[in-house]
Structures are given as C-alpha cells and as structure tokens.
C-alpha atoms as a PDB file:
ATOM      1  CA  MET A   1     -20.069-130.883 -86.513  1.00  0.00           C
ATOM      2  CA  PRO A   2     -20.093-129.340 -82.963  1.00  0.00           C
ATOM      3  CA  THR A   3     -21.730-125.994 -82.807  1.00  0.00           C
ATOM      4  CA  HIS A   4     -19.260-123.240 -82.861  1.00  0.00           C
ATOM      5  CA  ASN A   5     -20.409-119.492 -82.344  1.00  0.00           C
ATOM      6  CA  ALA A   6     -17.736-117.971 -84.334  1.00  0.00           C
ATOM      7  CA  ILE A   7     -16.073-118.517 -87.448  1.00  0.00           C
ATOM      8  CA  GLY A   8     -12.460-117.335 -88.529  1.00  0.00           C
ATOM      9  CA  ALA A   9     -10.223-117.557 -91.661  1.00  0.00           C
ATOM     10  CA  ILE A  10      -6.859-116.548 -93.161  1.00  0.00           C
ATOM     11  CA  GLU A  11      -6.178-116.676 -96.984  1.00  0.00           C
ATOM     12  CA  LEU A  12      -2.489-116.957 -97.465  1.00  0.00           C
ATOM     13  CA  SER A  13      -0.273-116.324-100.705  1.00  0.00           C
ATOM     14  CA  SER A  14       2.448-118.655 -99.668  1.00  0.00           C
ATOM     15  CA  VAL A  15       1.586-123.022 -98.909  1.00  0.00           C
ATOM     16  CA  GLY A  16       4.934-123.014 -96.874  1.00  0.00           C
ATOM     17  CA  VAL A  17       3.961-120.583 -94.750  1.00  0.00           C
ATOM     18  CA  GLY A  18       0.153-121.710 -94.651  1.00  0.00           C
ATOM     19  CA  TYR A  19       1.185-124.687 -92.801  1.00  0.00           C
ATOM     20  CA  ARG A  20       3.463-122.977 -90.618  1.00  0.00           C
ATOM     21  CA  ILE A  21       0.583-120.378 -89.570  1.00  0.00           C
ATOM     22  CA  GLU A  22      -1.794-123.534 -89.306  1.00  0.00           C
ATOM     23  CA  ASP A  23       0.053-124.865 -86.675  1.00  0.00           C
ATOM     24  CA  GLU A  24       0.414-121.405 -85.114  1.00  0.00           C
ATOM     25  CA  MET A  25      -3.586-121.119 -85.037  1.00  0.00           C
ATOM     26  CA  LEU A  26      -4.298-124.605 -83.836  1.00  0.00           C
ATOM     27  CA  LYS A  27      -1.702-124.211 -80.563  1.00  0.00           C
ATOM     28  CA  ALA A  28      -2.804-120.781 -80.108  1.00  0.00           C
ATOM     29  CA  ALA A  29      -6.658-121.571 -78.949  1.00  0.00           C
ATOM     30  CA  SER A  30      -9.314-124.516 -79.013  1.00  0.00           C
ATOM     31  CA  VAL A  31     -10.923-123.890 -82.100  1.00  0.00           C
ATOM     32  CA  GLU A  32     -11.904-126.756 -84.975  1.00  0.00           C
ATOM     33  CA  LEU A  33      -9.927-126.796 -88.077  1.00  0.00           C
ATOM     34  CA  LEU A  34     -12.441-126.369 -90.917  1.00  0.00           C
ATOM     35  CA  ILE A  35     -10.674-126.179 -93.782  1.00  0.00           C
ATOM     36  CA  ALA A  36      -7.185-126.311 -94.410  1.00  0.00           C
ATOM     37  CA  ARG A  37      -5.498-126.904 -97.775  1.00  0.00           C
ATOM     38  CA  THR A  38      -3.893-125.185-100.580  1.00  0.00           C
ATOM     39  CA  ILE A  39      -6.465-123.488-103.261  1.00  0.00           C
ATOM     40  CA  CYS A  40      -6.069-122.314-106.557  1.00  0.00           C
ATOM     41  CA  SER A  41      -3.672-119.981-107.816  1.00  0.00           C
ATOM     42  CA  GLY A  42      -0.897-121.422-105.291  1.00  0.00           C
ATOM     43  CA  LYS A  43      -2.367-120.011-102.108  1.00  0.00           C
ATOM     44  CA  TYR A  44      -3.287-121.692 -99.188  1.00  0.00           C
ATOM     45  CA  LEU A  45      -6.520-121.513 -97.094  1.00  0.00           C
ATOM     46  CA  ILE A  46      -7.782-121.499 -93.343  1.00  0.00           C
ATOM     47  CA  VAL A  47     -11.002-121.818 -91.667  1.00  0.00           C
ATOM     48  CA  LEU A  48     -11.384-122.429 -88.006  1.00  0.00           C
ATOM     49  CA  GLY A  49     -14.766-122.545 -86.113  1.00  0.00           C
ATOM     50  CA  GLY A  50     -15.091-122.608 -82.221  1.00  0.00           C
ATOM     51  CA  SER A  51     -16.145-119.730 -79.422  1.00  0.00           C
ATOM     52  CA  VAL A  52     -15.550-116.344 -80.204  1.00  0.00           C
ATOM     53  CA  SER A  53     -12.563-115.823 -77.880  1.00  0.00           C
ATOM     54  CA  ASP A  54     -11.158-118.969 -79.166  1.00  0.00           C
ATOM     55  CA  VAL A  55     -11.363-117.714 -82.873  1.00  0.00           C
ATOM     56  CA  GLU A  56      -9.967-114.138 -82.059  1.00  0.00           C
ATOM     57  CA  ALA A  57      -7.218-115.855 -80.524  1.00  0.00           C
ATOM     58  CA  ALA A  58      -6.137-118.217 -83.173  1.00  0.00           C
ATOM     59  CA  ILE A  59      -6.640-115.268 -85.982  1.00  0.00           C
ATOM     60  CA  HIS A  60      -4.219-112.975 -83.779  1.00  0.00           C
ATOM     61  CA  ALA A  61      -1.448-115.664 -83.303  1.00  0.00           C
ATOM     62  CA  GLY A  62      -2.220-116.517 -87.332  1.00  0.00           C
ATOM     63  CA  GLN A  63      -2.095-112.569 -88.237  1.00  0.00           C
ATOM     64  CA  ALA A  64       1.093-111.756 -86.299  1.00  0.00           C
ATOM     65  CA  ALA A  65       3.149-115.058 -87.618  1.00  0.00           C
ATOM     66  CA  ALA A  66       2.155-114.594 -91.331  1.00  0.00           C
ATOM     67  CA  GLY A  67       3.448-110.930 -92.163  1.00  0.00           C
ATOM     68  CA  GLU A  68       2.905-109.897 -95.330  1.00  0.00           C
ATOM     69  CA  ALA A  69       1.846-113.733 -97.055  1.00  0.00           C
ATOM     70  CA  ILE A  70      -2.062-112.698 -95.631  1.00  0.00           C
ATOM     71  CA  ILE A  71      -4.444-111.958 -98.576  1.00  0.00           C
ATOM     72  CA  ASP A  72      -7.448-111.650 -96.468  1.00  0.00           C
ATOM     73  CA  HIS A  73      -8.754-112.790 -93.127  1.00  0.00           C
ATOM     74  CA  LEU A  74     -12.293-112.794 -91.410  1.00  0.00           C
ATOM     75  CA  ILE A  75     -12.909-113.188 -87.717  1.00  0.00           C
ATOM     76  CA  CYS A  76     -16.932-113.630 -87.471  1.00  0.00           C
ATOM     77  CA  PRO A  77     -18.201-113.816 -84.097  1.00  0.00           C
ATOM     78  CA  ASN A  78     -22.173-114.862 -83.196  1.00  0.00           C
ATOM     79  CA  VAL A  79     -21.797-116.454 -86.861  1.00  0.00           C
ATOM     80  CA  HIS A  80     -25.547-117.190 -88.588  1.00  0.00           C
ATOM     81  CA  PRO A  81     -25.479-121.351 -87.817  1.00  0.00           C
ATOM     82  CA  SER A  82     -26.618-121.721 -91.263  1.00  0.00           C
ATOM     83  CA  VAL A  83     -23.118-120.825 -92.369  1.00  0.00           C
ATOM     84  CA  PHE A  84     -21.511-124.420 -90.798  1.00  0.00           C
ATOM     85  CA  PRO A  85     -23.814-126.673 -92.843  1.00  0.00           C
ATOM     86  CA  ALA A  86     -23.632-124.951 -96.419  1.00  0.00           C
ATOM     87  CA  LEU A  87     -19.911-124.906 -95.701  1.00  0.00           C
ATOM     88  CA  GLY A  88     -19.787-128.061 -95.165  1.00  0.00           C
ATOM     89  CA  GLN A  89     -22.114-129.040 -98.002  1.00  0.00           C
ATOM     90  CA  SER A  90     -24.214-131.058 -96.106  1.00  0.00           C
ATOM     91  CA  VAL A  91     -27.377-129.009 -96.810  1.00  0.00           C
ATOM     92  CA  SER A  92     -30.218-130.945 -98.928  1.00  0.00           C
ATOM     93  CA  LEU A  93     -33.176-129.090-100.460  1.00  0.00           C
ATOM     94  CA  SER A  94     -36.804-130.346-100.264  1.00  0.00           C
ATOM     95  CA  ALA A  95     -38.995-129.437-103.557  1.00  0.00           C
ATOM     96  CA  ASP A  96     -41.071-127.071-101.414  1.00  0.00           C
ATOM     97  CA  GLN A  97     -37.959-125.127-100.089  1.00  0.00           C
ATOM     98  CA  LEU A  98     -37.251-124.026-103.324  1.00  0.00           C
ATOM     99  CA  GLY A  99     -37.605-120.464-104.251  1.00  0.00           C
ATOM    100  CA  ALA A 100     -35.668-117.638-106.068  1.00  0.00           C
ATOM    101  CA  LEU A 101     -31.661-118.620-106.583  1.00  0.00           C
ATOM    102  CA  GLY A 102     -29.576-116.099-104.823  1.00  0.00           C
ATOM    103  CA  VAL A 103     -25.516-116.492-106.102  1.00  0.00           C
ATOM    104  CA  ILE A 104     -22.733-114.379-104.599  1.00  0.00           C
ATOM    105  CA  GLU A 105     -19.063-114.570-106.222  1.00  0.00           C
ATOM    106  CA  THR A 106     -16.299-113.576-104.973  1.00  0.00           C
ATOM    107  CA  PHE A 107     -12.611-112.968-105.438  1.00  0.00           C
ATOM    108  CA  SER A 108     -11.392-114.325-102.616  1.00  0.00           C
ATOM    109  CA  GLY A 109     -12.300-117.832-100.272  1.00  0.00           C
ATOM    110  CA  VAL A 110     -12.787-115.276 -97.181  1.00  0.00           C
ATOM    111  CA  SER A 111     -14.904-112.626 -98.349  1.00  0.00           C
ATOM    112  CA  VAL A 112     -17.354-115.081 -99.754  1.00  0.00           C
ATOM    113  CA  LEU A 113     -17.915-116.302 -95.719  1.00  0.00           C
ATOM    114  CA  ALA A 114     -18.812-112.807 -94.613  1.00  0.00           C
ATOM    115  CA  ALA A 115     -20.801-112.528 -97.532  1.00  0.00           C
ATOM    116  CA  ALA A 116     -23.203-115.615 -96.287  1.00  0.00           C
ATOM    117  CA  ASP A 117     -23.039-114.350 -92.644  1.00  0.00           C
ATOM    118  CA  VAL A 118     -24.290-111.047 -94.147  1.00  0.00           C
ATOM    119  CA  ALA A 119     -26.816-112.860 -96.180  1.00  0.00           C
ATOM    120  CA  SER A 120     -28.281-115.536 -93.856  1.00  0.00           C
ATOM    121  CA  LYS A 121     -28.954-112.283 -90.970  1.00  0.00           C
ATOM    122  CA  THR A 122     -30.431-110.321 -93.474  1.00  0.00           C
ATOM    123  CA  ALA A 123     -33.355-112.303 -94.548  1.00  0.00           C
ATOM    124  CA  ARG A 124     -35.296-115.293 -94.591  1.00  0.00           C
ATOM    125  CA  VAL A 125     -33.087-117.487 -97.059  1.00  0.00           C
ATOM    126  CA  THR A 126     -31.401-120.821 -97.030  1.00  0.00           C
ATOM    127  CA  LEU A 127     -28.099-121.126 -97.405  1.00  0.00           C
ATOM    128  CA  PHE A 128     -27.165-124.243 -99.337  1.00  0.00           C
ATOM    129  CA  ARG A 129     -23.601-124.053-100.769  1.00  0.00           C
ATOM    130  CA  ILE A 130     -20.517-122.185 -99.637  1.00  0.00           C
ATOM    131  CA  HIS A 131     -18.165-123.255-102.206  1.00  0.00           C
ATOM    132  CA  VAL A 132     -14.412-121.749-101.192  1.00  0.00           C
ATOM    133  CA  ALA A 133     -11.854-121.383-103.761  1.00  0.00           C
ATOM    134  CA  MET A 134     -11.354-125.306-105.235  1.00  0.00           C
ATOM    135  CA  ALA A 135     -11.893-125.512-109.003  1.00  0.00           C
ATOM    136  CA  LEU A 136     -12.780-121.600-108.942  1.00  0.00           C
ATOM    137  CA  GLY A 137      -9.652-119.825-109.129  1.00  0.00           C
ATOM    138  CA  GLY A 138      -9.168-119.206-106.140  1.00  0.00           C
ATOM    139  CA  LYS A 139     -13.160-117.267-105.511  1.00  0.00           C
ATOM    140  CA  GLY A 140     -15.462-118.019-103.545  1.00  0.00           C
ATOM    141  CA  LEU A 141     -19.738-118.799-104.311  1.00  0.00           C
ATOM    142  CA  CYS A 142     -22.570-118.612-102.171  1.00  0.00           C
ATOM    143  CA  LEU A 143     -25.658-120.165-103.215  1.00  0.00           C
ATOM    144  CA  MET A 144     -28.976-119.366-101.218  1.00  0.00           C
ATOM    145  CA  THR A 145     -33.015-119.865-101.944  1.00  0.00           C
ATOM    146  CA  GLY A 146     -35.847-118.296-100.539  1.00  0.00           C
ATOM    147  CA  SER A 147     -38.444-115.936-101.390  1.00  0.00           C
ATOM    148  CA  VAL A 148     -37.900-113.631-104.003  1.00  0.00           C
ATOM    149  CA  ALA A 149     -37.735-110.302-101.361  1.00  0.00           C
ATOM    150  CA  ASP A 150     -35.905-112.424 -99.199  1.00  0.00           C
ATOM    151  CA  VAL A 151     -32.918-113.376-101.328  1.00  0.00           C
ATOM    152  CA  ARG A 152     -33.078-110.297-103.433  1.00  0.00           C
ATOM    153  CA  ALA A 153     -32.532-107.973 -99.922  1.00  0.00           C
ATOM    154  CA  ALA A 154     -29.869-111.273 -98.391  1.00  0.00           C
ATOM    155  CA  VAL A 155     -27.876-110.925-101.847  1.00  0.00           C
ATOM    156  CA  GLN A 156     -27.664-107.316-101.817  1.00  0.00           C
ATOM    157  CA  ALA A 157     -26.691-107.309 -97.819  1.00  0.00           C
ATOM    158  CA  ALA A 158     -23.879-109.677 -98.888  1.00  0.00           C
ATOM    159  CA  ALA A 159     -22.849-108.127-102.182  1.00  0.00           C
ATOM    160  CA  ALA A 160     -22.368-104.432-100.232  1.00  0.00           C
ATOM    161  CA  GLU A 161     -20.080-106.077 -97.632  1.00  0.00           C
ATOM    162  CA  VAL A 162     -17.698-107.946-100.419  1.00  0.00           C
ATOM    163  CA  ARG A 163     -17.961-104.481-102.505  1.00  0.00           C
ATOM    164  CA  SER A 164     -16.513-102.570 -99.526  1.00  0.00           C
ATOM    165  CA  ARG A 165     -13.628-105.232 -99.662  1.00  0.00           C
ATOM    166  CA  GLY A 166     -13.095-104.668-103.071  1.00  0.00           C
ATOM    167  CA  LEU A 167     -13.614-108.308-103.951  1.00  0.00           C
ATOM    168  CA  LEU A 168     -17.471-108.876-105.123  1.00  0.00           C
ATOM    169  CA  VAL A 169     -17.272-110.934-109.046  1.00  0.00           C
ATOM    170  CA  SER A 170     -20.967-110.868-109.237  1.00  0.00           C
ATOM    171  CA  GLU A 171     -24.322-110.826-107.580  1.00  0.00           C
ATOM    172  CA  VAL A 172     -27.068-112.520-109.127  1.00  0.00           C
ATOM    173  CA  VAL A 173     -30.980-113.177-108.274  1.00  0.00           C
ATOM    174  CA  ILE A 174     -33.214-115.451-110.404  1.00  0.00           C
ATOM    175  CA  PRO A 175     -36.310-115.397-109.469  1.00  0.00           C
ATOM    176  CA  ARG A 176     -38.016-118.455-110.962  1.00  0.00           C
ATOM    177  CA  PRO A 177     -35.181-120.475-111.854  1.00  0.00           C
ATOM    178  CA  SER A 178     -35.763-123.668-113.659  1.00  0.00           C
ATOM    179  CA  SER A 179     -35.736-126.757-111.154  1.00  0.00           C
ATOM    180  CA  GLU A 180     -32.841-128.246-112.732  1.00  0.00           C
ATOM    181  CA  LEU A 181     -30.366-125.525-111.238  1.00  0.00           C
ATOM    182  CA  PHE A 182     -31.285-127.096-108.027  1.00  0.00           C
ATOM    183  CA  ALA A 183     -30.957-130.738-109.201  1.00  0.00           C
ATOM    184  CA  GLU A 184     -27.451-132.105-107.068  1.00  0.00           C
ATOM    185  CA  TYR A 185     -29.153-130.453-103.906  1.00  0.00           C
ATOM    186  CA  LEU A 186     -32.623-132.399-103.825  1.00  0.00           C
END
C-alpha cells in the first residue's frame, strides 16, 4: 500500500448516492480508494487515502454533492501510519507483542477511524485490527495491544474522541487477556 499522510471517509445513508459520491470524489483529486462498499443497514462507506490536500479536496467534493445523505464524515490529516495496515487487516502479531487488549466499538464506521488515529498518537500501542461496518450492523471496531498503561491511555483518548461525536458503543481494556483472544493474529 502506498504511503499516505491523510485519510478521509464518508458514510452515506443511500447506496445509490454512495456510488455517485464515490465517482465525484475520485474525479476531484488524486486519492487512493481504500474502501468503497455497501455496509450493514443499507448504508455506503467510502474511505480514501492520499496527501492532505487531495483527501480534503475529495471529501469536500463528496460533501458538496451528497446533501442530506451524509451520516458521518472524517478528514484526518497526518494520520498515524499504523492506521493503514490495521485497516487493511495486514498486521500479524508475534507472541512477544501480546500485552493488554484494548477495544473501541463505535456506532459508525467513520468514527472508528478517528478513534484509531487518536489511540495510536496517544500511547505506544500496536493497532492490529480496524473492522469497519461489515458484519457489525454498521458499527466500527478497533483492537490494539501494548502495556496496560499504554492501552488504558489509548482507549481513554479514543473513547473521548468518539464520545464527542455521540457514537461510542463501548471501551474495553483487558489487562491480562488469554492468548486465545489473539489466536487469529499470530
């Protein structure tokens, strides 16, 4: 995956509008389409990566064309580089990386991206999974590991970000998780 320094996302209430907006956004700037798909509850999610100016231009074009179909949106400049591999589900953990387990669950796919960025910028954690909307009823899920103190700090900061949007479902820290909780990532 190319190196990006910004991520942007729009979650829409209409699949048809989603296709139109995706086209508008891709024509507006030089961005990479990371996710574009229907998600649970009949919504449409578009996630883009690129330079800050290109992501801003694409998201603004999408917002201008979407009208009332926008449920949530995000422009995250200078995104933490660990967000992209976790979003792409390409993170493998070694046994020595396993520590406390942190979980952030959100009501929207977009807000979990903001949470992941804040978590990784707050403390020394390893983001190993960002699950956006599919098979979650349209919710978002972010999993991280690290020392208990780091995971607590990261989860608290991420939860505060999502809470400010009114979209927090849960924040969980498990200090000494069973290794089975990490089984599919080893």
